[in-house]
N, C-alpha and C. Protein backbone atom coordinates (compact mmCIF):
# COMPACT_ATOMS: atom_id res chain seq x y z
N MET A 1 -0.85 7.75 18.91
CA MET A 1 -1.31 8.30 17.18
C MET A 1 -0.58 9.16 16.89
N ASN A 2 -0.16 9.45 15.71
CA ASN A 2 0.92 10.64 14.75
C ASN A 2 -0.04 10.71 13.83
N THR A 3 0.03 11.95 13.98
CA THR A 3 -0.65 12.93 12.40
C THR A 3 0.07 13.85 12.26
N THR A 4 1.37 13.85 11.91
CA THR A 4 1.79 15.19 12.32
C THR A 4 2.40 15.49 10.38
N VAL A 5 2.20 14.57 9.62
CA VAL A 5 2.54 14.98 8.35
C VAL A 5 1.64 15.11 7.77
N ASN A 6 1.50 16.72 6.89
CA ASN A 6 1.01 17.19 5.88
C ASN A 6 -0.57 17.02 6.41
N ALA A 7 -1.26 17.09 7.56
CA ALA A 7 -2.73 17.53 8.55
C ALA A 7 -3.16 18.42 8.01
N THR A 8 -3.18 19.04 6.96
CA THR A 8 -4.16 20.37 6.41
C THR A 8 -5.15 19.83 5.36
N SER A 9 -5.59 19.20 4.78
CA SER A 9 -6.21 19.17 4.03
C SER A 9 -7.44 18.18 4.03
N SER A 10 -8.16 18.22 3.91
CA SER A 10 -9.69 17.66 4.24
C SER A 10 -9.74 16.01 3.80
N ALA A 11 -8.61 16.06 2.76
CA ALA A 11 -8.67 14.18 2.49
C ALA A 11 -8.66 13.37 3.89
N ALA A 12 -9.51 12.41 3.22
CA ALA A 12 -9.11 11.29 4.33
C ALA A 12 -7.76 10.91 4.69
N PRO A 13 -7.67 10.34 6.18
CA PRO A 13 -6.46 10.46 6.44
C PRO A 13 -6.04 8.97 5.62
N LEU A 14 -4.43 8.82 5.83
CA LEU A 14 -3.95 8.22 5.45
C LEU A 14 -3.46 7.07 6.85
N LEU A 15 -3.92 6.10 6.43
CA LEU A 15 -3.78 4.44 8.15
C LEU A 15 -2.30 4.15 7.38
N CYS A 16 -1.24 4.19 8.55
CA CYS A 16 -0.03 3.25 7.94
C CYS A 16 0.23 2.28 8.87
N PHE A 17 0.82 1.34 8.47
CA PHE A 17 1.17 0.30 9.23
C PHE A 17 2.56 -0.50 8.91
N GLY A 18 3.11 -1.00 9.76
CA GLY A 18 4.57 -1.45 9.92
C GLY A 18 5.79 -0.27 9.31
N PHE A 19 5.50 0.70 9.32
CA PHE A 19 6.47 1.84 9.52
C PHE A 19 6.91 2.51 10.72
N ALA A 20 8.41 2.12 10.59
CA ALA A 20 9.05 2.38 12.16
C ALA A 20 8.68 3.72 12.64
N ASP A 21 8.31 4.93 11.86
CA ASP A 21 8.51 6.12 12.24
C ASP A 21 7.60 6.67 10.69
N ALA A 22 6.53 6.82 10.56
CA ALA A 22 5.39 6.89 9.20
C ALA A 22 5.61 8.78 9.41
N ALA A 23 6.36 9.20 10.30
CA ALA A 23 6.60 10.48 9.87
C ALA A 23 7.32 11.36 9.09
N ALA A 24 8.29 10.18 9.60
CA ALA A 24 10.03 10.47 8.85
C ALA A 24 10.28 10.07 7.35
N SER A 25 9.32 9.01 7.15
CA SER A 25 9.82 8.10 6.02
C SER A 25 9.44 8.91 4.98
N PRO A 26 10.38 9.38 3.77
CA PRO A 26 10.70 10.34 2.85
C PRO A 26 9.42 9.87 1.55
N ALA A 27 9.38 8.32 1.34
CA ALA A 27 7.77 8.15 0.69
C ALA A 27 6.69 8.77 0.83
N LEU A 28 6.64 8.41 2.60
CA LEU A 28 4.90 8.60 2.72
C LEU A 28 4.91 10.41 2.73
N LYS A 29 5.96 11.18 3.03
CA LYS A 29 6.05 12.28 2.97
C LYS A 29 5.09 12.72 1.42
N GLN A 30 5.96 12.29 0.74
CA GLN A 30 5.40 12.67 -0.64
C GLN A 30 4.01 11.70 -0.75
N ILE A 31 3.79 10.61 -0.71
CA ILE A 31 2.49 9.84 -1.37
C ILE A 31 1.27 11.08 -0.33
N ALA A 32 1.27 11.07 0.77
CA ALA A 32 -0.04 11.63 1.37
C ALA A 32 -0.33 12.85 1.12
N ALA A 33 0.52 13.73 0.19
CA ALA A 33 -0.20 15.03 -0.95
C ALA A 33 -1.22 15.46 -0.09
N GLY A 34 -1.10 15.99 1.21
CA GLY A 34 -2.09 16.93 1.68
C GLY A 34 -3.44 15.92 2.61
N ARG A 35 -2.44 14.30 3.04
CA ARG A 35 -3.57 13.75 3.79
C ARG A 35 -2.50 13.54 5.61
N ALA A 36 -3.65 13.68 5.87
CA ALA A 36 -2.95 13.11 7.35
C ALA A 36 -2.35 11.60 7.33
N VAL A 37 -1.33 11.44 8.19
CA VAL A 37 -0.88 10.14 8.39
C VAL A 37 -0.65 9.53 9.60
N ILE A 38 -1.57 8.79 9.81
CA ILE A 38 -1.41 7.82 10.99
C ILE A 38 -1.00 7.04 11.02
N SER A 39 -0.68 6.48 12.63
CA SER A 39 -0.23 4.87 12.69
C SER A 39 -1.01 4.46 13.63
N GLY A 40 -1.24 3.13 13.28
CA GLY A 40 -2.12 2.37 13.96
C GLY A 40 -3.46 1.96 13.93
N ALA A 41 -3.94 1.08 13.99
CA ALA A 41 -5.09 0.56 13.85
C ALA A 41 -6.06 1.13 14.45
N ASP A 42 -6.55 1.92 15.28
CA ASP A 42 -7.40 2.45 15.96
C ASP A 42 -8.21 4.08 15.40
N GLN A 43 -7.93 4.05 14.20
CA GLN A 43 -8.40 4.85 13.40
C GLN A 43 -8.90 4.53 11.92
N ALA A 44 -10.40 4.49 12.41
CA ALA A 44 -11.61 3.65 11.41
C ALA A 44 -12.07 4.63 10.31
N ALA A 45 -11.97 5.80 10.33
CA ALA A 45 -12.28 6.58 9.84
C ALA A 45 -11.43 7.19 8.29
N THR A 46 -10.85 5.86 7.60
CA THR A 46 -10.43 6.28 6.82
C THR A 46 -10.60 6.24 5.19
N SER A 47 -10.12 5.82 4.07
CA SER A 47 -10.33 5.42 3.27
C SER A 47 -9.36 4.94 2.43
N ALA A 48 -7.80 4.89 2.83
CA ALA A 48 -6.68 4.47 2.47
C ALA A 48 -6.05 4.40 3.57
N ILE A 49 -5.22 3.21 3.28
CA ILE A 49 -4.24 2.16 4.02
C ILE A 49 -3.21 2.02 3.23
N ILE A 50 -1.60 2.39 3.52
CA ILE A 50 -0.69 1.72 2.96
C ILE A 50 -0.02 1.06 4.23
N ALA A 51 0.79 -0.36 4.03
CA ALA A 51 1.43 -1.17 4.57
C ALA A 51 2.52 -1.29 4.42
N LYS A 52 3.48 -1.77 5.32
CA LYS A 52 4.68 -2.23 4.32
C LYS A 52 5.17 -3.92 5.41
N GLY A 53 5.73 -4.86 4.15
CA GLY A 53 6.09 -5.82 4.96
C GLY A 53 5.40 -6.45 5.73
N ALA A 54 5.54 -7.16 6.87
CA ALA A 54 4.97 -8.23 7.64
C ALA A 54 3.49 -7.11 8.01
N ALA A 55 3.35 -5.91 8.29
CA ALA A 55 2.29 -5.35 8.63
C ALA A 55 1.07 -5.78 7.52
N CYS A 56 1.48 -6.07 6.46
CA CYS A 56 0.44 -5.82 5.42
C CYS A 56 -1.13 -6.94 5.77
N GLY A 57 -0.55 -7.81 6.54
CA GLY A 57 -1.62 -8.71 6.72
C GLY A 57 -2.68 -8.44 7.53
N GLU A 58 -2.22 -7.87 8.31
CA GLU A 58 -3.36 -6.72 9.45
C GLU A 58 -3.84 -5.68 8.14
N ALA A 59 -3.01 -5.01 7.51
CA ALA A 59 -3.51 -4.10 6.82
C ALA A 59 -5.01 -4.21 6.03
N LEU A 60 -4.83 -5.76 5.69
CA LEU A 60 -6.06 -6.68 4.61
C LEU A 60 -6.64 -6.55 5.63
N SER A 61 -6.38 -7.89 6.85
CA SER A 61 -7.64 -7.69 7.85
C SER A 61 -8.07 -6.55 8.13
N PHE A 62 -7.72 -5.42 8.63
CA PHE A 62 -8.37 -4.44 8.31
C PHE A 62 -9.15 -3.64 7.76
N ALA A 63 -9.04 -3.79 6.33
CA ALA A 63 -9.75 -3.24 5.39
C ALA A 63 -10.74 -4.66 5.22
N ALA A 64 -10.88 -5.96 5.68
CA ALA A 64 -12.27 -6.56 5.46
C ALA A 64 -12.85 -6.34 6.68
N GLN A 65 -12.05 -6.17 7.64
CA GLN A 65 -13.44 -5.84 8.80
C GLN A 65 -14.00 -4.08 8.72
N TYR A 66 -13.32 -3.38 7.58
CA TYR A 66 -13.79 -2.07 7.87
C TYR A 66 -14.31 -1.89 6.53
N ALA A 67 -14.85 -2.82 5.57
CA ALA A 67 -15.18 -3.26 3.97
C ALA A 67 -16.12 -1.75 3.55
N GLY A 68 -16.71 -0.98 4.33
CA GLY A 68 -17.66 -0.02 4.06
C GLY A 68 -16.84 1.11 3.98
N ILE A 69 -15.72 1.35 4.87
CA ILE A 69 -14.85 2.41 5.12
C ILE A 69 -13.78 2.36 4.33
N VAL A 70 -12.90 1.32 3.96
CA VAL A 70 -11.74 1.29 3.10
C VAL A 70 -11.76 1.27 2.30
N GLU A 71 -11.42 2.23 0.78
CA GLU A 71 -11.48 2.17 -0.41
C GLU A 71 -10.09 1.87 -1.02
N SER A 72 -9.08 1.97 -0.99
CA SER A 72 -8.14 1.48 -1.16
C SER A 72 -6.97 1.22 0.09
N ILE A 73 -5.86 0.37 -0.61
CA ILE A 73 -4.99 -0.33 0.25
C ILE A 73 -3.56 -0.53 -0.98
N ILE A 74 -2.48 0.05 -0.27
CA ILE A 74 -1.32 -0.01 -0.67
C ILE A 74 -0.34 -1.00 0.51
N LEU A 75 0.20 -2.13 -0.79
CA LEU A 75 1.00 -2.87 0.38
C LEU A 75 2.19 -2.78 -0.23
N ILE A 76 3.40 -2.53 0.29
CA ILE A 76 4.29 -2.24 -0.07
C ILE A 76 5.45 -3.52 0.50
N SER A 77 6.17 -4.61 -0.54
CA SER A 77 7.20 -5.61 0.02
C SER A 77 6.18 -6.47 0.87
N PRO A 78 5.10 -6.89 0.24
CA PRO A 78 4.09 -7.91 1.04
C PRO A 78 4.84 -8.99 1.53
N ASP A 79 4.44 -10.09 2.21
CA ASP A 79 5.41 -11.28 2.88
C ASP A 79 4.19 -11.81 2.53
N GLU A 80 4.77 -13.41 3.15
CA GLU A 80 3.80 -14.61 2.44
C GLU A 80 2.53 -14.60 4.02
N ALA A 81 2.54 -14.17 5.01
CA ALA A 81 1.84 -14.09 5.63
C ALA A 81 0.49 -13.63 5.02
N ALA A 82 1.05 -12.04 4.65
CA ALA A 82 -0.15 -11.57 3.81
C ALA A 82 -0.69 -12.02 2.32
N ALA A 83 -0.03 -12.81 2.07
CA ALA A 83 -0.66 -13.55 0.84
C ALA A 83 -1.40 -14.81 1.00
N LYS A 84 -1.52 -14.94 2.02
CA LYS A 84 -2.26 -16.42 2.94
C LYS A 84 -3.32 -15.89 3.41
N ARG A 85 -3.16 -14.33 3.75
CA ARG A 85 -4.44 -13.82 4.73
C ARG A 85 -5.25 -12.78 3.22
N ALA A 86 -4.67 -12.87 2.43
CA ALA A 86 -5.61 -12.07 1.08
C ALA A 86 -6.19 -13.53 0.73
N GLY A 87 -5.44 -14.45 0.32
CA GLY A 87 -6.37 -16.09 0.32
C GLY A 87 -7.40 -16.00 1.19
N GLU A 88 -7.45 -15.86 2.49
CA GLU A 88 -8.35 -16.48 3.57
C GLU A 88 -9.54 -15.45 3.28
N ILE A 89 -8.98 -13.96 3.14
CA ILE A 89 -10.37 -13.44 3.19
C ILE A 89 -10.69 -12.75 1.77
N GLY A 90 -10.33 -13.15 0.55
CA GLY A 90 -10.66 -13.10 -0.98
C GLY A 90 -11.62 -11.49 -0.84
N ALA A 91 -13.14 -12.21 -1.32
CA ALA A 91 -13.88 -10.90 -1.65
C ALA A 91 -14.64 -10.39 -0.36
N GLU A 92 -14.31 -10.81 1.18
CA GLU A 92 -14.19 -10.16 1.74
C GLU A 92 -13.49 -8.44 1.50
N CYS A 93 -12.88 -8.27 0.90
CA CYS A 93 -11.84 -7.35 0.78
C CYS A 93 -12.23 -6.28 -0.35
N GLN A 94 -13.52 -5.38 -0.62
CA GLN A 94 -13.86 -4.69 -1.36
C GLN A 94 -13.04 -3.62 -1.43
N ALA A 95 -11.72 -3.27 -1.48
CA ALA A 95 -11.00 -2.11 -1.17
C ALA A 95 -10.10 -2.43 -2.76
N GLN A 96 -9.86 -1.25 -3.78
CA GLN A 96 -9.26 -1.58 -4.28
C GLN A 96 -7.23 -1.79 -3.86
N VAL A 97 -6.71 -2.72 -4.23
CA VAL A 97 -5.29 -2.77 -3.67
C VAL A 97 -4.42 -2.33 -4.71
N LEU A 98 -3.18 -2.00 -4.28
CA LEU A 98 -1.90 -2.15 -5.13
C LEU A 98 -1.08 -2.79 -4.45
N ALA A 99 -0.41 -3.91 -4.99
CA ALA A 99 0.97 -4.58 -3.93
C ALA A 99 1.71 -4.44 -5.25
N LEU A 100 3.08 -3.52 -4.11
CA LEU A 100 4.21 -3.51 -4.53
C LEU A 100 5.26 -4.14 -4.04
N ALA A 101 6.24 -4.66 -5.56
CA ALA A 101 7.07 -5.45 -4.63
C ALA A 101 8.52 -4.95 -5.79
N GLY A 102 9.50 -5.06 -5.20
CA GLY A 102 10.99 -4.91 -5.73
C GLY A 102 11.55 -6.10 -6.64
N THR A 103 12.02 -5.21 -7.55
CA THR A 103 12.38 -6.54 -8.46
C THR A 103 13.85 -7.06 -7.84
N LEU A 104 14.59 -6.63 -6.87
CA LEU A 104 15.55 -7.38 -6.35
C LEU A 104 15.10 -8.18 -5.11
N ASP A 105 13.51 -8.43 -4.78
CA ASP A 105 13.39 -9.02 -3.65
C ASP A 105 12.28 -10.36 -3.86
N ALA A 106 12.52 -11.42 -4.42
CA ALA A 106 11.99 -12.74 -4.46
C ALA A 106 10.91 -12.73 -3.91
N GLU A 107 11.13 -12.75 -2.89
CA GLU A 107 9.87 -13.20 -1.45
C GLU A 107 8.78 -12.33 -1.80
N SER A 108 8.88 -11.07 -2.05
CA SER A 108 7.76 -10.05 -1.61
C SER A 108 7.18 -10.25 -3.17
N GLY A 109 7.98 -10.57 -3.89
CA GLY A 109 7.24 -10.68 -5.36
C GLY A 109 6.50 -11.97 -5.71
N ALA A 110 7.00 -13.15 -4.87
CA ALA A 110 5.96 -14.31 -4.67
C ALA A 110 4.72 -13.80 -4.12
N ALA A 111 4.89 -13.05 -3.19
CA ALA A 111 3.67 -12.86 -2.01
C ALA A 111 2.62 -11.40 -2.65
N ALA A 112 3.50 -10.70 -3.14
CA ALA A 112 2.53 -9.92 -4.42
C ALA A 112 1.92 -10.70 -5.52
N THR A 113 2.28 -11.34 -5.98
CA THR A 113 1.64 -12.35 -7.28
C THR A 113 0.38 -13.09 -6.45
N ALA A 114 0.40 -13.57 -5.63
CA ALA A 114 -0.29 -14.64 -4.81
C ALA A 114 -1.36 -13.41 -4.41
N ILE A 115 -1.30 -12.43 -3.97
CA ILE A 115 -2.32 -11.26 -3.11
C ILE A 115 -3.34 -11.08 -5.07
N LYS A 116 -2.26 -11.11 -5.61
CA LYS A 116 -3.51 -10.34 -7.10
C LYS A 116 -4.20 -11.64 -7.78
N GLN A 117 -3.50 -12.81 -7.32
CA GLN A 117 -4.28 -13.72 -7.92
C GLN A 117 -5.46 -14.44 -6.35
N ALA A 118 -5.22 -13.89 -5.44
CA ALA A 118 -6.44 -13.94 -4.34
C ALA A 118 -7.44 -13.11 -4.53
N LEU A 119 -7.17 -11.55 -4.77
CA LEU A 119 -7.88 -10.33 -5.02
C LEU A 119 -8.37 -9.76 -6.07
N PRO A 120 -9.33 -10.25 -6.76
CA PRO A 120 -9.75 -9.68 -7.67
C PRO A 120 -9.47 -7.97 -7.77
N SER A 121 -9.54 -7.06 -7.65
CA SER A 121 -9.49 -5.71 -7.54
C SER A 121 -8.19 -5.20 -7.23
N CYS A 122 -7.08 -6.56 -7.33
CA CYS A 122 -5.35 -5.80 -6.99
C CYS A 122 -4.38 -5.69 -8.28
N HIS A 123 -3.81 -4.66 -7.93
CA HIS A 123 -3.12 -4.20 -9.21
C HIS A 123 -1.50 -4.61 -8.59
N LEU A 124 -0.46 -5.27 -9.36
CA LEU A 124 0.76 -5.52 -8.99
C LEU A 124 1.68 -4.85 -9.83
N VAL A 125 2.76 -4.12 -9.33
CA VAL A 125 3.62 -3.25 -9.66
C VAL A 125 5.11 -3.69 -8.87
N TYR A 126 5.88 -3.88 -9.87
CA TYR A 126 7.01 -3.75 -9.51
C TYR A 126 7.69 -2.76 -9.78
N VAL A 127 8.59 -2.32 -8.52
CA VAL A 127 9.32 -1.44 -8.49
C VAL A 127 11.00 -1.53 -8.41
N PHE A 128 11.39 -1.02 -10.19
CA PHE A 128 13.11 -1.18 -10.33
C PHE A 128 13.88 -0.98 -9.56
N ASP A 129 14.85 -1.97 -9.67
CA ASP A 129 16.15 -2.05 -8.57
C ASP A 129 15.72 -1.62 -7.28
N THR A 130 14.72 -2.38 -6.47
CA THR A 130 14.98 -2.05 -5.11
C THR A 130 14.37 -3.56 -4.42
N SER A 131 14.57 -3.71 -2.96
CA SER A 131 14.53 -4.68 -2.26
C SER A 131 12.85 -4.24 -1.30
N LYS A 132 12.96 -4.93 -0.52
CA LYS A 132 12.09 -4.71 0.84
C LYS A 132 12.29 -3.07 1.19
N ASP A 133 12.65 -2.32 0.99
CA ASP A 133 13.03 -0.89 1.92
C ASP A 133 12.63 -0.20 0.85
N MET A 134 11.98 -0.41 -0.59
CA MET A 134 11.80 0.59 -1.62
C MET A 134 11.56 1.80 -0.85
N ASP A 135 10.81 2.09 -0.09
CA ASP A 135 10.32 3.51 0.70
C ASP A 135 11.60 3.76 0.64
N ILE A 136 12.64 3.47 0.87
CA ILE A 136 13.98 4.37 1.19
C ILE A 136 14.92 3.97 0.63
N GLU A 137 14.51 3.37 -0.52
CA GLU A 137 15.85 3.00 -1.52
C GLU A 137 15.11 4.18 -3.27
N ARG A 138 14.38 4.32 -3.07
CA ARG A 138 13.28 4.70 -4.13
C ARG A 138 12.34 5.35 -3.84
N PRO A 139 12.08 6.73 -2.93
CA PRO A 139 11.18 7.00 -2.72
C PRO A 139 10.03 7.51 -3.22
N GLU A 140 11.14 8.74 -4.66
CA GLU A 140 9.85 9.22 -5.40
C GLU A 140 9.30 8.25 -6.16
N ALA A 141 10.00 6.93 -6.63
CA ALA A 141 9.46 6.01 -8.05
C ALA A 141 7.87 5.74 -7.04
N LEU A 142 8.11 5.05 -5.60
CA LEU A 142 7.20 4.77 -4.68
C LEU A 142 5.74 5.74 -4.93
N ALA A 143 6.44 6.62 -4.23
CA ALA A 143 5.53 8.04 -4.36
C ALA A 143 4.53 8.06 -5.83
N LYS A 144 5.23 8.21 -6.35
CA LYS A 144 4.83 8.44 -7.97
C LYS A 144 3.35 7.23 -8.21
N VAL A 145 4.04 6.01 -8.17
CA VAL A 145 2.88 5.33 -8.33
C VAL A 145 1.83 5.31 -7.33
N ALA A 146 2.42 5.08 -5.67
CA ALA A 146 0.80 5.69 -4.88
C ALA A 146 0.02 6.58 -4.98
N ARG A 147 0.26 7.88 -5.49
CA ARG A 147 -0.12 8.63 -5.37
C ARG A 147 -1.25 8.44 -6.76
N ASP A 148 -1.02 7.96 -7.71
CA ASP A 148 -1.72 7.71 -8.84
C ASP A 148 -2.70 6.87 -8.54
N PHE A 149 -2.18 6.07 -7.82
CA PHE A 149 -3.24 4.81 -7.17
C PHE A 149 -4.46 5.19 -6.50
N LEU A 150 -3.87 5.81 -5.69
CA LEU A 150 -4.63 6.82 -4.78
C LEU A 150 -5.65 7.89 -5.27
N ALA A 151 -5.26 7.83 -6.17
CA ALA A 151 -6.36 9.36 -7.31
C ALA A 151 -7.20 8.64 -8.15
N ARG A 152 -6.93 7.30 -8.58
CA ARG A 152 -7.54 6.84 -9.42
C ARG A 152 -8.35 5.47 -9.38
N ARG A 153 -8.09 4.89 -8.34
CA ARG A 153 -8.18 3.81 -7.54
C ARG A 153 -8.21 2.32 -8.75
N ASP A 154 -9.73 1.92 -8.78
CA ASP A 154 -10.16 1.31 -10.09
C ASP A 154 -9.85 1.40 -11.55
N LYS A 155 -9.31 2.88 -11.87
CA LYS A 155 -9.03 3.07 -13.09
C LYS A 155 -7.66 3.13 -12.88
N PHE A 156 -6.70 2.96 -12.37
CA PHE A 156 -5.34 2.77 -12.20
C PHE A 156 -5.04 2.12 -13.35
N LEU A 157 -3.55 2.34 -14.03
CA LEU A 157 -3.16 1.98 -14.89
C LEU A 157 -1.81 2.02 -15.17
N VAL A 158 -0.45 1.55 -14.93
CA VAL A 158 0.89 1.10 -15.30
C VAL A 158 0.94 1.64 -16.78
N SER A 159 1.53 2.33 -16.83
CA SER A 159 2.14 2.95 -18.53
C SER A 159 3.16 2.13 -19.11
N ASN A 160 3.84 1.68 -17.93
CA ASN A 160 4.77 0.44 -18.89
C ASN A 160 4.38 -1.11 -19.13
N ALA A 161 4.55 -0.83 -20.46
CA ALA A 161 4.57 -2.89 -20.84
C ALA A 161 4.23 -3.85 -19.54
N ASP A 162 5.74 -3.73 -19.25
CA ASP A 162 5.95 -4.99 -18.16
C ASP A 162 5.28 -4.53 -17.05
N GLY A 163 5.02 -3.58 -16.38
CA GLY A 163 4.18 -3.39 -15.21
C GLY A 163 5.43 -3.35 -14.06
N ARG A 164 6.57 -2.54 -14.27
CA ARG A 164 7.86 -1.91 -13.22
C ARG A 164 8.13 -0.30 -13.53
N ILE A 165 8.30 -0.13 -12.72
CA ILE A 165 8.83 1.67 -12.40
C ILE A 165 10.10 1.28 -12.91
N THR A 166 10.55 2.08 -13.37
CA THR A 166 12.05 1.93 -13.65
C THR A 166 12.58 3.66 -13.34
N PRO A 167 13.96 3.89 -13.48
CA PRO A 167 13.85 5.21 -13.45
C PRO A 167 14.35 6.30 -14.53
């Protein structure tokens, strides 16, 4: 288990799925904003989850299993399996969800759209000029929208009319 990023705050930890090295991610360092960053599904005492790519389905399953604990989920570049999982869990997932897709990544765009349709509490945002690796390509843009979502949850609103985060 890795708890090396900003572990000084009393805010609930940010549970991470699908990152090769969560502690080294520039985007996660900005998103954490005083939260401990934990890798692995062995920590249930959290209120927020962030997942990337193929791990998005696992994060959704975890949130459904711990519906009373997980309040918010951020899905970065979800895949088709995550969209399928969202359809399976539907109302079991009580958390607020933010699905992020890059404008250069048609696969995650389609998956994020399907997740939004399956989960009534899902917000869909496109990050301009990014692919599956938006956390590396535009960490500041990703961090900005993720921090706002974690702070506001169901009151989250993207200010751009087309739902895209641009430079």
